[in-house]
Amino acid sequence: MAQQSTVKGAFLEKWSNSKEYLVEIAQSMPEELYNYRPTEREMTFKGQLLHVIGNMKWLSTSYFSNEKFERETYDPNLTKQQVLELLEATFDEVYQRIESISESELSVEVDFFAGKKSKLQILNLLQDHVTHHRGQLIVYINMKGIKPPRYVGW
């Protein structure tokens, strides 16, 4: 378990809990409802999860590794189990990348489409984006009469 006494440590602990919570939410939706969308303007439940996965891969690869980011296109016919496996693996990949950087690297500024940002800001964006879409998924679950998992904070 990461130590909360450093920015990186606090993030890693929160990231692990965020993974657990989003996986529970993804598990709570029955597979036959993975293509549910509340309106035509919204992504499907599965689409939301795949979007989160893609964003995690983009940010962590582009800003916390030396690898060149290659955007993946996900098969729309992925099963619930395949999505869950991909979700867990991607959370783990981000964790490993962040775990391997130095605390001082978080102050490094990078070029981002919204202007210069520190890697700490990118780290915050990683979690914020997950939280944003997780909130949408909770609404989807509630709209189907399913009780969402209990909130996990830290």
Protein backbone atom coordinates (compact mmCIF):
# COMPACT_ATOMS: atom_id res chain seq x y z
CA MET A 1 0.00 0.00 0.00
CA ALA A 2 1.33 3.41 -0.93
CA GLN A 3 2.03 5.92 1.79
CA GLN A 4 -0.16 9.01 1.89
CA SER A 5 2.80 11.18 2.97
CA THR A 6 3.82 11.91 -0.64
CA VAL A 7 1.81 13.14 -3.61
CA LYS A 8 2.67 10.01 -5.57
CA GLY A 9 1.89 7.75 -2.63
CA ALA A 10 -1.46 9.44 -2.05
CA PHE A 11 -2.32 9.09 -5.73
CA LEU A 12 -1.38 5.41 -5.84
CA GLU A 13 -3.52 4.62 -2.81
CA LYS A 14 -6.47 6.54 -4.28
CA TRP A 15 -5.89 4.91 -7.68
CA SER A 16 -6.12 1.43 -6.16
CA ASN A 17 -9.39 2.31 -4.46
CA SER A 18 -10.69 3.95 -7.62
CA LYS A 19 -9.97 0.73 -9.51
CA GLU A 20 -11.81 -1.36 -6.93
CA TYR A 21 -14.82 0.96 -7.01
CA LEU A 22 -15.11 1.21 -10.79
CA VAL A 23 -14.69 -2.56 -11.19
CA GLU A 24 -17.53 -3.09 -8.67
CA ILE A 25 -19.71 -0.67 -10.64
CA ALA A 26 -18.87 -2.43 -13.91
CA GLN A 27 -19.64 -5.81 -12.32
CA SER A 28 -22.99 -4.61 -10.96
CA MET A 29 -24.47 -3.95 -14.42
CA PRO A 30 -25.79 -7.14 -16.02
CA GLU A 31 -24.11 -8.03 -19.30
CA GLU A 32 -27.38 -7.73 -21.21
CA LEU A 33 -27.45 -4.04 -20.22
CA TYR A 34 -23.88 -3.21 -21.25
CA ASN A 35 -25.24 -1.59 -24.43
CA TYR A 36 -27.75 0.52 -22.48
CA ARG A 37 -27.64 4.26 -23.01
CA PRO A 38 -30.07 6.69 -21.33
CA THR A 39 -30.32 8.90 -24.45
CA GLU A 40 -29.01 8.79 -27.98
CA ARG A 41 -26.49 11.51 -27.08
CA GLU A 42 -24.89 9.35 -24.41
CA MET A 43 -22.37 6.56 -24.76
CA THR A 44 -23.48 3.07 -23.84
CA PHE A 45 -22.46 1.67 -20.46
CA LYS A 46 -19.79 -0.38 -22.23
CA GLY A 47 -18.79 2.63 -24.32
CA GLN A 48 -18.24 4.69 -21.16
CA LEU A 49 -15.94 2.00 -19.75
CA LEU A 50 -13.99 1.70 -23.00
CA HIS A 51 -13.68 5.49 -23.15
CA VAL A 52 -12.24 5.54 -19.61
CA ILE A 53 -9.81 2.75 -20.54
CA GLY A 54 -8.69 4.61 -23.66
CA ASN A 55 -8.14 7.84 -21.75
CA MET A 56 -6.12 6.08 -19.05
CA LYS A 57 -3.93 4.48 -21.70
CA TRP A 58 -3.46 7.77 -23.57
CA LEU A 59 -2.53 9.88 -20.54
CA SER A 60 -0.33 7.30 -18.84
CA THR A 61 1.51 6.32 -22.01
CA SER A 62 1.94 9.83 -23.37
CA TYR A 63 3.02 11.50 -20.14
CA PHE A 64 4.42 8.78 -17.87
CA SER A 65 6.33 6.48 -20.21
CA ASN A 66 8.77 6.61 -23.09
CA GLU A 67 6.43 4.62 -25.31
CA LYS A 68 4.65 6.10 -28.30
CA PHE A 69 0.92 6.11 -27.73
CA GLU A 70 -1.09 4.17 -30.30
CA ARG A 71 -4.84 4.68 -29.96
CA GLU A 72 -6.68 1.37 -29.85
CA THR A 73 -10.03 0.66 -31.38
CA TYR A 74 -12.02 -1.71 -29.23
CA ASP A 75 -14.26 -4.40 -30.65
CA PRO A 76 -17.85 -3.33 -29.89
CA ASN A 77 -18.67 -7.00 -29.30
CA LEU A 78 -16.38 -7.35 -26.29
CA THR A 79 -18.07 -9.31 -23.53
CA LYS A 80 -18.57 -7.94 -20.04
CA GLN A 81 -15.76 -10.21 -18.81
CA GLN A 82 -13.39 -8.95 -21.52
CA VAL A 83 -14.19 -5.33 -20.63
CA LEU A 84 -13.61 -6.05 -16.93
CA GLU A 85 -10.26 -7.70 -17.67
CA LEU A 86 -9.20 -4.77 -19.85
CA LEU A 87 -10.33 -2.28 -17.19
CA GLU A 88 -8.38 -4.00 -14.42
CA ALA A 89 -5.28 -4.44 -16.58
CA THR A 90 -5.32 -0.78 -17.58
CA PHE A 91 -5.66 0.41 -13.99
CA ASP A 92 -2.70 -1.83 -13.11
CA GLU A 93 -0.67 -0.49 -16.04
CA VAL A 94 -1.24 3.11 -14.90
CA TYR A 95 -0.33 2.16 -11.32
CA GLN A 96 2.95 0.60 -12.46
CA ARG A 97 3.85 3.61 -14.59
CA ILE A 98 3.21 6.08 -11.79
CA GLU A 99 4.94 3.88 -9.24
CA SER A 100 8.08 3.89 -11.39
CA ILE A 101 8.47 7.68 -11.66
CA SER A 102 10.21 9.89 -9.14
CA GLU A 103 8.27 12.32 -7.00
CA SER A 104 10.27 15.20 -8.51
CA GLU A 105 9.12 14.24 -12.02
CA LEU A 106 5.62 15.44 -11.12
CA SER A 107 6.80 19.06 -11.36
CA VAL A 108 8.00 18.64 -14.96
CA GLU A 109 5.92 20.64 -17.44
CA VAL A 110 4.65 18.95 -20.59
CA ASP A 111 2.88 20.14 -23.71
CA PHE A 112 -0.81 19.34 -23.49
CA PHE A 113 -3.62 20.26 -25.86
CA ALA A 114 -4.87 22.72 -23.21
CA GLY A 115 -1.43 24.34 -22.86
CA LYS A 116 1.58 23.64 -20.65
CA LYS A 117 0.70 21.41 -17.71
CA SER A 118 2.75 19.79 -15.00
CA LYS A 119 2.78 16.04 -14.76
CA LEU A 120 1.03 16.50 -11.43
CA GLN A 121 -1.85 18.15 -13.29
CA ILE A 122 -1.94 15.21 -15.72
CA LEU A 123 -2.01 12.85 -12.74
CA ASN A 124 -4.97 14.76 -11.32
CA LEU A 125 -6.66 14.64 -14.71
CA LEU A 126 -6.27 10.86 -14.82
CA GLN A 127 -8.28 10.50 -11.61
CA ASP A 128 -10.72 13.29 -12.41
CA HIS A 129 -11.64 11.74 -15.74
CA VAL A 130 -12.28 8.35 -14.14
CA THR A 131 -14.43 10.02 -11.46
CA HIS A 132 -16.43 11.97 -14.06
CA HIS A 133 -17.38 8.90 -16.07
CA ARG A 134 -17.86 6.72 -13.01
CA GLY A 135 -20.48 9.22 -11.87
CA GLN A 136 -22.28 8.83 -15.19
CA LEU A 137 -22.18 5.04 -14.85
CA ILE A 138 -23.77 5.28 -11.41
CA VAL A 139 -26.66 7.17 -12.99
CA TYR A 140 -27.04 4.45 -15.65
CA ILE A 141 -27.17 1.79 -12.92
CA ASN A 142 -29.71 3.74 -10.91
CA MET A 143 -31.87 4.25 -14.00
CA LYS A 144 -32.05 0.46 -14.33
CA GLY A 145 -33.10 0.06 -10.70
CA ILE A 146 -29.79 -1.45 -9.62
CA LYS A 147 -28.31 -0.34 -6.32
CA PRO A 148 -24.76 0.91 -6.94
CA PRO A 149 -21.91 -0.39 -4.81
CA ARG A 150 -21.11 1.54 -1.64
CA TYR A 151 -18.85 4.54 -2.27
CA VAL A 152 -15.11 4.05 -1.80
CA GLY A 153 -13.34 7.30 -0.96
CA TRP A 154 -9.71 6.94 -0.09
